[in-house]
């Protein structure tokens, strides 16, 4: 059974591809609470709302 992706969300793979980081880096950021907020689906997969990603990205820019 294929999992459909909710509109306006990124999969973990899409997030990592956009930032050119490894999933390991994402999980390290998540453990340190430096990653954007995620939605955990019942099957355990993570999704990141596009709006949360953009807000998180803006906050990183301000901190630079």
N, C-alpha and C. Protein backbone atom coordinates (compact mmCIF):
# COMPACT_ATOMS: atom_id res chain seq x y z
N UNK A 1 0.85 -1.18 0.00
CA UNK A 1 0.00 0.00 0.00
C UNK A 1 0.89 1.24 0.00
N UNK A 2 0.72 2.09 -0.95
CA UNK A 2 1.54 3.30 -1.09
C UNK A 2 1.06 4.38 -0.12
N UNK A 3 2.02 5.10 0.44
CA UNK A 3 1.69 6.21 1.33
C UNK A 3 1.58 7.47 0.50
N UNK A 4 0.48 8.18 0.64
CA UNK A 4 0.34 9.44 -0.08
C UNK A 4 0.85 10.56 0.79
N UNK A 5 1.38 11.56 0.15
CA UNK A 5 1.97 12.68 0.88
C UNK A 5 0.96 13.81 0.97
N UNK A 6 0.69 14.31 2.20
CA UNK A 6 -0.22 15.45 2.32
C UNK A 6 0.31 16.65 1.55
N UNK A 7 -0.60 17.42 0.99
CA UNK A 7 -0.20 18.63 0.27
C UNK A 7 0.50 19.60 1.20
N UNK A 8 1.46 20.31 0.64
CA UNK A 8 2.13 21.33 1.42
C UNK A 8 3.14 20.78 2.41
N UNK A 9 3.56 19.53 2.21
CA UNK A 9 4.55 18.94 3.11
C UNK A 9 5.74 18.42 2.32
N UNK A 10 6.83 18.25 3.03
CA UNK A 10 8.04 17.66 2.46
C UNK A 10 8.30 16.33 3.16
N UNK A 11 8.76 15.36 2.40
CA UNK A 11 9.24 14.14 3.03
C UNK A 11 10.63 14.43 3.57
N UNK A 12 11.13 13.55 4.39
CA UNK A 12 12.48 13.71 4.92
C UNK A 12 13.49 13.73 3.77
N UNK A 13 13.29 12.86 2.78
CA UNK A 13 14.20 12.81 1.63
C UNK A 13 14.19 14.12 0.85
N UNK A 14 13.00 14.71 0.67
CA UNK A 14 12.89 15.98 -0.05
C UNK A 14 13.57 17.11 0.73
N UNK A 15 13.37 17.13 2.04
CA UNK A 15 14.01 18.14 2.89
C UNK A 15 15.53 18.04 2.78
N UNK A 16 16.04 16.84 2.92
CA UNK A 16 17.49 16.63 2.87
C UNK A 16 18.04 16.97 1.48
N UNK A 17 17.30 16.63 0.44
CA UNK A 17 17.74 16.95 -0.92
C UNK A 17 17.81 18.46 -1.14
N UNK A 18 16.79 19.18 -0.66
CA UNK A 18 16.77 20.64 -0.84
C UNK A 18 17.95 21.30 -0.15
N UNK A 19 18.33 20.80 1.02
CA UNK A 19 19.43 21.40 1.79
C UNK A 19 20.78 20.74 1.50
N UNK A 20 20.75 19.67 0.72
CA UNK A 20 21.95 18.89 0.40
C UNK A 20 22.65 18.42 1.66
N UNK A 21 21.84 17.80 2.55
CA UNK A 21 22.36 17.21 3.77
C UNK A 21 21.96 15.74 3.80
N UNK A 22 22.62 14.99 4.66
CA UNK A 22 22.28 13.58 4.81
C UNK A 22 21.15 13.43 5.83
N UNK A 23 20.42 12.32 5.76
CA UNK A 23 19.41 12.07 6.79
C UNK A 23 20.03 12.04 8.19
N UNK A 24 21.25 11.56 8.29
CA UNK A 24 21.93 11.53 9.58
C UNK A 24 22.07 12.94 10.16
N UNK A 25 22.45 13.90 9.31
CA UNK A 25 22.55 15.29 9.75
C UNK A 25 21.20 15.80 10.22
N UNK A 26 20.14 15.47 9.49
CA UNK A 26 18.80 15.88 9.90
C UNK A 26 18.48 15.35 11.29
N UNK A 27 18.73 14.07 11.52
CA UNK A 27 18.41 13.47 12.81
C UNK A 27 19.27 14.06 13.94
N UNK A 28 20.51 14.44 13.62
CA UNK A 28 21.34 15.11 14.62
C UNK A 28 20.74 16.47 14.97
N UNK A 29 20.32 17.23 13.96
CA UNK A 29 19.68 18.52 14.19
C UNK A 29 18.41 18.33 15.00
N UNK A 30 17.63 17.31 14.66
CA UNK A 30 16.37 17.04 15.35
C UNK A 30 16.62 16.73 16.83
N UNK A 31 17.64 15.93 17.11
CA UNK A 31 17.98 15.58 18.49
C UNK A 31 18.40 16.82 19.28
N UNK A 32 19.02 17.78 18.60
CA UNK A 32 19.46 19.02 19.25
C UNK A 32 18.39 20.11 19.19
N UNK A 33 17.22 19.76 18.65
CA UNK A 33 16.10 20.70 18.49
C UNK A 33 16.47 21.87 17.58
N UNK A 34 17.24 21.58 16.55
CA UNK A 34 17.64 22.61 15.58
C UNK A 34 16.95 22.42 14.23
N UNK A 35 16.20 21.37 14.08
CA UNK A 35 15.48 21.08 12.84
C UNK A 35 14.09 21.71 12.90
N UNK A 36 13.44 21.89 11.76
CA UNK A 36 12.06 22.40 11.78
C UNK A 36 11.13 21.38 12.42
N UNK A 37 10.00 21.86 12.90
CA UNK A 37 8.99 20.98 13.50
C UNK A 37 8.51 19.97 12.47
N UNK A 38 8.24 18.77 12.92
CA UNK A 38 7.83 17.68 12.04
C UNK A 38 6.46 17.14 12.45
N UNK A 39 5.84 16.49 11.50
CA UNK A 39 4.61 15.75 11.73
C UNK A 39 5.00 14.28 11.66
N UNK A 40 4.66 13.52 12.69
CA UNK A 40 4.94 12.09 12.67
C UNK A 40 3.66 11.35 12.30
N UNK A 41 3.70 10.66 11.19
CA UNK A 41 2.54 9.92 10.71
C UNK A 41 2.38 8.62 11.50
N UNK A 42 1.18 8.03 11.46
CA UNK A 42 0.96 6.77 12.19
C UNK A 42 1.93 5.65 11.80
N UNK A 43 2.44 5.69 10.57
CA UNK A 43 3.38 4.66 10.13
C UNK A 43 4.82 4.99 10.54
N UNK A 44 5.02 6.11 11.26
CA UNK A 44 6.34 6.47 11.76
C UNK A 44 7.11 7.41 10.86
N UNK A 45 6.63 7.61 9.62
CA UNK A 45 7.33 8.52 8.72
C UNK A 45 7.15 9.96 9.17
N UNK A 46 8.14 10.79 8.83
CA UNK A 46 8.09 12.20 9.18
C UNK A 46 7.74 13.04 7.97
N UNK A 47 7.01 14.11 8.21
CA UNK A 47 6.72 15.10 7.19
C UNK A 47 7.01 16.47 7.79
N UNK A 48 7.43 17.38 6.95
CA UNK A 48 7.70 18.75 7.38
C UNK A 48 6.79 19.67 6.57
N UNK A 49 5.99 20.45 7.26
CA UNK A 49 5.13 21.40 6.55
C UNK A 49 6.00 22.39 5.79
N UNK A 50 5.61 22.69 4.57
CA UNK A 50 6.37 23.65 3.75
C UNK A 50 6.46 24.99 4.48
N UNK A 51 5.39 25.41 5.13
CA UNK A 51 5.41 26.70 5.85
C UNK A 51 6.38 26.64 7.02
N UNK A 52 6.44 25.52 7.75
CA UNK A 52 7.38 25.38 8.87
C UNK A 52 8.82 25.39 8.34
N UNK A 53 9.03 24.75 7.20
CA UNK A 53 10.36 24.73 6.58
C UNK A 53 10.79 26.15 6.20
N UNK A 54 9.89 26.90 5.58
CA UNK A 54 10.24 28.26 5.15
C UNK A 54 10.49 29.18 6.35
N UNK A 55 9.70 29.05 7.41
CA UNK A 55 9.92 29.84 8.62
C UNK A 55 11.25 29.47 9.26
N UNK A 56 11.54 28.18 9.33
CA UNK A 56 12.80 27.71 9.89
C UNK A 56 13.98 28.24 9.07
N UNK A 57 13.84 28.19 7.74
CA UNK A 57 14.90 28.67 6.86
C UNK A 57 15.13 30.16 7.06
N UNK A 58 14.06 30.94 7.18
CA UNK A 58 14.18 32.38 7.44
C UNK A 58 14.91 32.63 8.77
N UNK A 59 14.61 31.85 9.79
CA UNK A 59 15.26 32.02 11.09
C UNK A 59 16.74 31.70 11.00
N UNK A 60 17.12 30.76 10.15
CA UNK A 60 18.53 30.44 9.97
C UNK A 60 19.26 31.59 9.30
N UNK A 61 18.59 32.25 8.37
CA UNK A 61 19.17 33.38 7.67
C UNK A 61 19.45 34.52 8.66
N UNK A 62 18.51 34.80 9.54
CA UNK A 62 18.67 35.87 10.52
C UNK A 62 19.81 35.57 11.48
N UNK A 63 20.03 34.30 11.77
CA UNK A 63 21.08 33.93 12.71
C UNK A 63 22.47 33.95 12.07
N UNK A 64 22.51 33.96 10.76
CA UNK A 64 23.81 33.90 10.06
C UNK A 64 24.57 35.21 10.15
